[in-house]
N, C-alpha and C. Protein backbone atom coordinates (compact mmCIF):
# COMPACT_ATOMS: atom_id res chain seq x y z
N MET A 1 39.79 15.38 117.99
CA MET A 1 39.46 16.06 116.76
C MET A 1 40.69 16.66 116.11
N THR A 2 41.53 17.32 116.93
CA THR A 2 42.73 17.91 116.36
C THR A 2 43.81 18.03 117.44
N GLU A 3 45.03 18.17 116.97
CA GLU A 3 46.17 18.35 117.87
C GLU A 3 47.19 19.24 117.18
N PHE A 4 47.73 20.19 117.93
CA PHE A 4 48.76 21.09 117.40
C PHE A 4 49.56 21.64 118.56
N TYR A 5 50.86 21.83 118.37
CA TYR A 5 51.74 22.38 119.41
C TYR A 5 51.51 21.71 120.77
N ASP A 6 51.32 20.40 120.77
CA ASP A 6 51.10 19.61 121.99
C ASP A 6 49.77 19.94 122.68
N ILE A 7 48.87 20.63 122.00
CA ILE A 7 47.53 20.94 122.51
C ILE A 7 46.56 19.97 121.85
N LYS A 8 45.73 19.34 122.67
CA LYS A 8 44.74 18.39 122.15
C LYS A 8 43.34 18.98 122.35
N ILE A 9 42.52 18.89 121.31
CA ILE A 9 41.17 19.45 121.33
C ILE A 9 40.16 18.31 121.16
N TYR A 10 39.14 18.31 122.04
CA TYR A 10 38.11 17.28 122.01
C TYR A 10 36.73 17.90 122.20
N ILE A 11 35.73 17.22 121.64
CA ILE A 11 34.32 17.44 121.99
C ILE A 11 33.83 16.09 122.47
N PHE A 12 33.15 16.08 123.63
CA PHE A 12 32.68 14.83 124.22
C PHE A 12 31.20 14.63 123.94
N TYR A 13 30.83 13.37 123.73
CA TYR A 13 29.43 13.00 123.59
C TYR A 13 28.73 13.18 124.93
N ASP A 14 27.45 13.50 124.91
CA ASP A 14 26.63 13.65 126.13
C ASP A 14 27.20 14.69 127.09
N ASP A 15 27.83 15.72 126.57
CA ASP A 15 28.38 16.78 127.42
C ASP A 15 27.30 17.80 127.75
N HIS A 16 27.56 18.61 128.74
CA HIS A 16 26.58 19.61 129.19
C HIS A 16 26.36 20.68 128.12
N PRO A 17 25.20 21.36 128.17
CA PRO A 17 24.90 22.40 127.18
C PRO A 17 25.89 23.56 127.22
N GLU A 18 25.74 24.39 126.30
CA GLU A 18 26.58 25.47 125.79
C GLU A 18 27.63 24.82 124.92
N MET A 19 27.54 25.15 123.66
CA MET A 19 28.45 24.60 122.67
C MET A 19 29.88 24.94 123.08
N HIS A 20 30.68 23.91 123.35
CA HIS A 20 32.05 24.14 123.82
C HIS A 20 32.94 22.97 123.42
N PHE A 21 34.23 23.16 123.60
CA PHE A 21 35.18 22.08 123.39
C PHE A 21 36.18 22.09 124.54
N HIS A 22 36.86 20.97 124.68
CA HIS A 22 37.85 20.81 125.73
C HIS A 22 39.24 20.88 125.11
N ALA A 23 40.15 21.53 125.81
CA ALA A 23 41.54 21.64 125.36
C ALA A 23 42.45 21.19 126.49
N PHE A 24 43.49 20.42 126.14
CA PHE A 24 44.44 19.92 127.12
C PHE A 24 45.86 20.24 126.65
N TYR A 25 46.68 20.68 127.61
CA TYR A 25 48.05 21.04 127.29
C TYR A 25 48.92 20.83 128.53
N GLN A 26 49.90 19.96 128.41
CA GLN A 26 50.88 19.70 129.47
C GLN A 26 50.25 19.55 130.86
N GLY A 27 49.24 18.71 130.96
CA GLY A 27 48.62 18.42 132.24
C GLY A 27 47.53 19.40 132.67
N ASP A 28 47.38 20.50 131.97
CA ASP A 28 46.32 21.47 132.27
C ASP A 28 45.18 21.28 131.27
N GLY A 29 44.00 21.75 131.64
CA GLY A 29 42.87 21.63 130.74
C GLY A 29 41.86 22.73 130.94
N GLY A 30 41.08 22.96 129.91
CA GLY A 30 40.05 23.98 129.99
C GLY A 30 38.95 23.73 128.98
N GLU A 31 37.87 24.46 129.15
CA GLU A 31 36.74 24.41 128.22
C GLU A 31 36.59 25.79 127.59
N PHE A 32 36.34 25.79 126.28
CA PHE A 32 36.18 27.03 125.53
C PHE A 32 34.81 27.07 124.90
N SER A 33 34.13 28.20 125.01
CA SER A 33 32.85 28.41 124.36
C SER A 33 33.09 28.58 122.86
N VAL A 34 32.35 27.83 122.06
CA VAL A 34 32.46 28.00 120.61
C VAL A 34 31.82 29.32 120.21
N LYS A 35 30.79 29.72 120.92
CA LYS A 35 30.06 30.96 120.60
C LYS A 35 30.92 32.20 120.83
N THR A 36 31.58 32.27 122.00
CA THR A 36 32.33 33.49 122.35
C THR A 36 33.83 33.35 122.15
N GLY A 37 34.32 32.11 122.11
CA GLY A 37 35.76 31.89 121.99
C GLY A 37 36.51 32.02 123.30
N LYS A 38 35.80 32.24 124.38
CA LYS A 38 36.44 32.48 125.68
C LYS A 38 36.61 31.19 126.47
N LEU A 39 37.65 31.17 127.30
CA LEU A 39 37.87 30.09 128.25
C LEU A 39 36.78 30.18 129.31
N ILE A 40 35.96 29.13 129.45
CA ILE A 40 34.83 29.19 130.39
C ILE A 40 35.05 28.33 131.62
N ALA A 41 36.05 27.47 131.59
CA ALA A 41 36.35 26.64 132.76
C ALA A 41 37.78 26.13 132.63
N GLY A 42 38.42 25.92 133.77
CA GLY A 42 39.76 25.37 133.76
C GLY A 42 40.83 26.44 133.69
N LYS A 43 42.05 25.97 133.48
CA LYS A 43 43.20 26.87 133.47
C LYS A 43 44.23 26.35 132.48
N LEU A 44 44.70 27.25 131.63
CA LEU A 44 45.74 26.94 130.66
C LEU A 44 46.70 28.11 130.60
N PRO A 45 47.96 27.86 130.22
CA PRO A 45 48.91 28.96 130.09
C PRO A 45 48.46 29.94 129.01
N PRO A 46 48.79 31.22 129.17
CA PRO A 46 48.37 32.24 128.19
C PRO A 46 48.76 31.91 126.75
N ARG A 47 49.94 31.35 126.54
CA ARG A 47 50.37 31.00 125.17
C ARG A 47 49.44 29.95 124.57
N ALA A 48 49.05 28.95 125.36
CA ALA A 48 48.13 27.92 124.87
C ALA A 48 46.77 28.52 124.55
N VAL A 49 46.28 29.41 125.41
CA VAL A 49 44.99 30.07 125.16
C VAL A 49 45.04 30.84 123.85
N LYS A 50 46.14 31.52 123.59
CA LYS A 50 46.28 32.29 122.34
C LYS A 50 46.24 31.36 121.13
N LEU A 51 46.97 30.24 121.20
CA LEU A 51 46.98 29.29 120.08
C LEU A 51 45.61 28.67 119.87
N ILE A 52 44.92 28.35 120.95
CA ILE A 52 43.58 27.76 120.85
C ILE A 52 42.62 28.77 120.23
N SER A 53 42.74 30.03 120.60
CA SER A 53 41.90 31.08 120.00
C SER A 53 42.15 31.20 118.51
N GLU A 54 43.42 31.10 118.11
CA GLU A 54 43.76 31.14 116.68
C GLU A 54 43.11 29.97 115.94
N MET A 55 43.20 28.77 116.54
CA MET A 55 42.59 27.59 115.94
C MET A 55 41.09 27.80 115.80
N MET A 56 40.48 28.35 116.84
CA MET A 56 39.04 28.56 116.80
C MET A 56 38.64 29.53 115.70
N ASN A 57 39.42 30.57 115.52
CA ASN A 57 39.14 31.53 114.44
C ASN A 57 39.20 30.85 113.08
N GLU A 58 40.12 29.91 112.90
CA GLU A 58 40.26 29.21 111.63
C GLU A 58 39.17 28.16 111.42
N HIS A 59 38.68 27.56 112.50
CA HIS A 59 37.83 26.37 112.37
C HIS A 59 36.51 26.45 113.13
N LYS A 60 35.98 27.63 113.31
CA LYS A 60 34.73 27.78 114.07
C LYS A 60 33.58 26.97 113.44
N LYS A 61 33.48 27.01 112.14
CA LYS A 61 32.41 26.28 111.44
C LYS A 61 32.52 24.78 111.71
N GLU A 62 33.73 24.23 111.62
CA GLU A 62 33.93 22.81 111.85
C GLU A 62 33.64 22.43 113.31
N LEU A 63 34.00 23.31 114.25
CA LEU A 63 33.70 23.05 115.66
C LEU A 63 32.20 22.98 115.89
N LYS A 64 31.45 23.90 115.27
CA LYS A 64 29.99 23.88 115.40
C LYS A 64 29.41 22.60 114.79
N GLU A 65 29.92 22.22 113.63
CA GLU A 65 29.43 20.99 112.98
C GLU A 65 29.70 19.77 113.86
N ASN A 66 30.88 19.71 114.45
CA ASN A 66 31.21 18.56 115.30
C ASN A 66 30.37 18.54 116.57
N TRP A 67 30.04 19.71 117.10
CA TRP A 67 29.17 19.73 118.29
C TRP A 67 27.82 19.10 117.94
N LYS A 68 27.29 19.47 116.78
CA LYS A 68 25.99 18.92 116.35
C LYS A 68 26.08 17.41 116.12
N LEU A 69 27.20 16.95 115.55
CA LEU A 69 27.40 15.52 115.37
C LEU A 69 27.46 14.79 116.72
N ALA A 70 28.15 15.38 117.68
CA ALA A 70 28.25 14.77 119.01
C ALA A 70 26.88 14.67 119.67
N GLU A 71 26.05 15.69 119.49
CA GLU A 71 24.70 15.65 120.05
C GLU A 71 23.89 14.47 119.49
N GLN A 72 24.20 14.10 118.24
CA GLN A 72 23.49 13.01 117.57
C GLN A 72 24.24 11.68 117.72
N HIS A 73 25.31 11.67 118.50
CA HIS A 73 26.14 10.48 118.72
C HIS A 73 26.71 9.95 117.41
N LYS A 74 27.06 10.86 116.53
CA LYS A 74 27.68 10.49 115.26
C LYS A 74 29.19 10.72 115.35
N ARG A 75 29.88 10.08 114.45
CA ARG A 75 31.34 10.20 114.41
C ARG A 75 31.74 11.65 114.10
N LEU A 76 32.69 12.18 114.88
CA LEU A 76 33.16 13.54 114.66
C LEU A 76 34.15 13.58 113.52
N LYS A 77 34.22 14.71 112.86
CA LYS A 77 35.16 14.90 111.76
C LYS A 77 36.47 15.46 112.31
N LYS A 78 37.56 14.98 111.76
CA LYS A 78 38.87 15.49 112.15
C LYS A 78 39.00 16.92 111.65
N ILE A 79 39.62 17.76 112.45
CA ILE A 79 39.86 19.15 112.08
C ILE A 79 41.35 19.31 111.83
N ASN A 80 41.69 19.98 110.75
CA ASN A 80 43.10 20.20 110.44
C ASN A 80 43.76 20.99 111.56
N PRO A 81 45.04 20.69 111.83
CA PRO A 81 45.73 21.43 112.90
C PRO A 81 45.88 22.90 112.55
N LEU A 82 46.17 23.67 113.57
CA LEU A 82 46.43 25.09 113.40
C LEU A 82 47.59 25.27 112.44
N LYS A 83 47.43 26.19 111.50
CA LYS A 83 48.53 26.50 110.59
C LYS A 83 49.65 27.15 111.38
N LYS A 84 50.86 26.95 110.94
CA LYS A 84 52.02 27.54 111.63
C LYS A 84 51.85 29.05 111.72
N ILE A 85 52.09 29.57 112.93
CA ILE A 85 52.02 31.03 113.09
C ILE A 85 53.36 31.57 113.51
């Protein structure tokens, strides 16, 4: 869906409940709740978590829309990368 600062963000089709997305950075990965914005599984460096939280604040609506599209097995919309901070 999006990539910024070498962080890749995905939502997978047929994934388990609780609206969330997956983030990968330099071999590490985690899952973030769209509802709370918190890391709910996995491990990422603090700097990556901060950047992912910033992206989520900018694009929460788009993340929710893409989750709903994934539930319907529809094509996900690309999300603009995090603006430079």
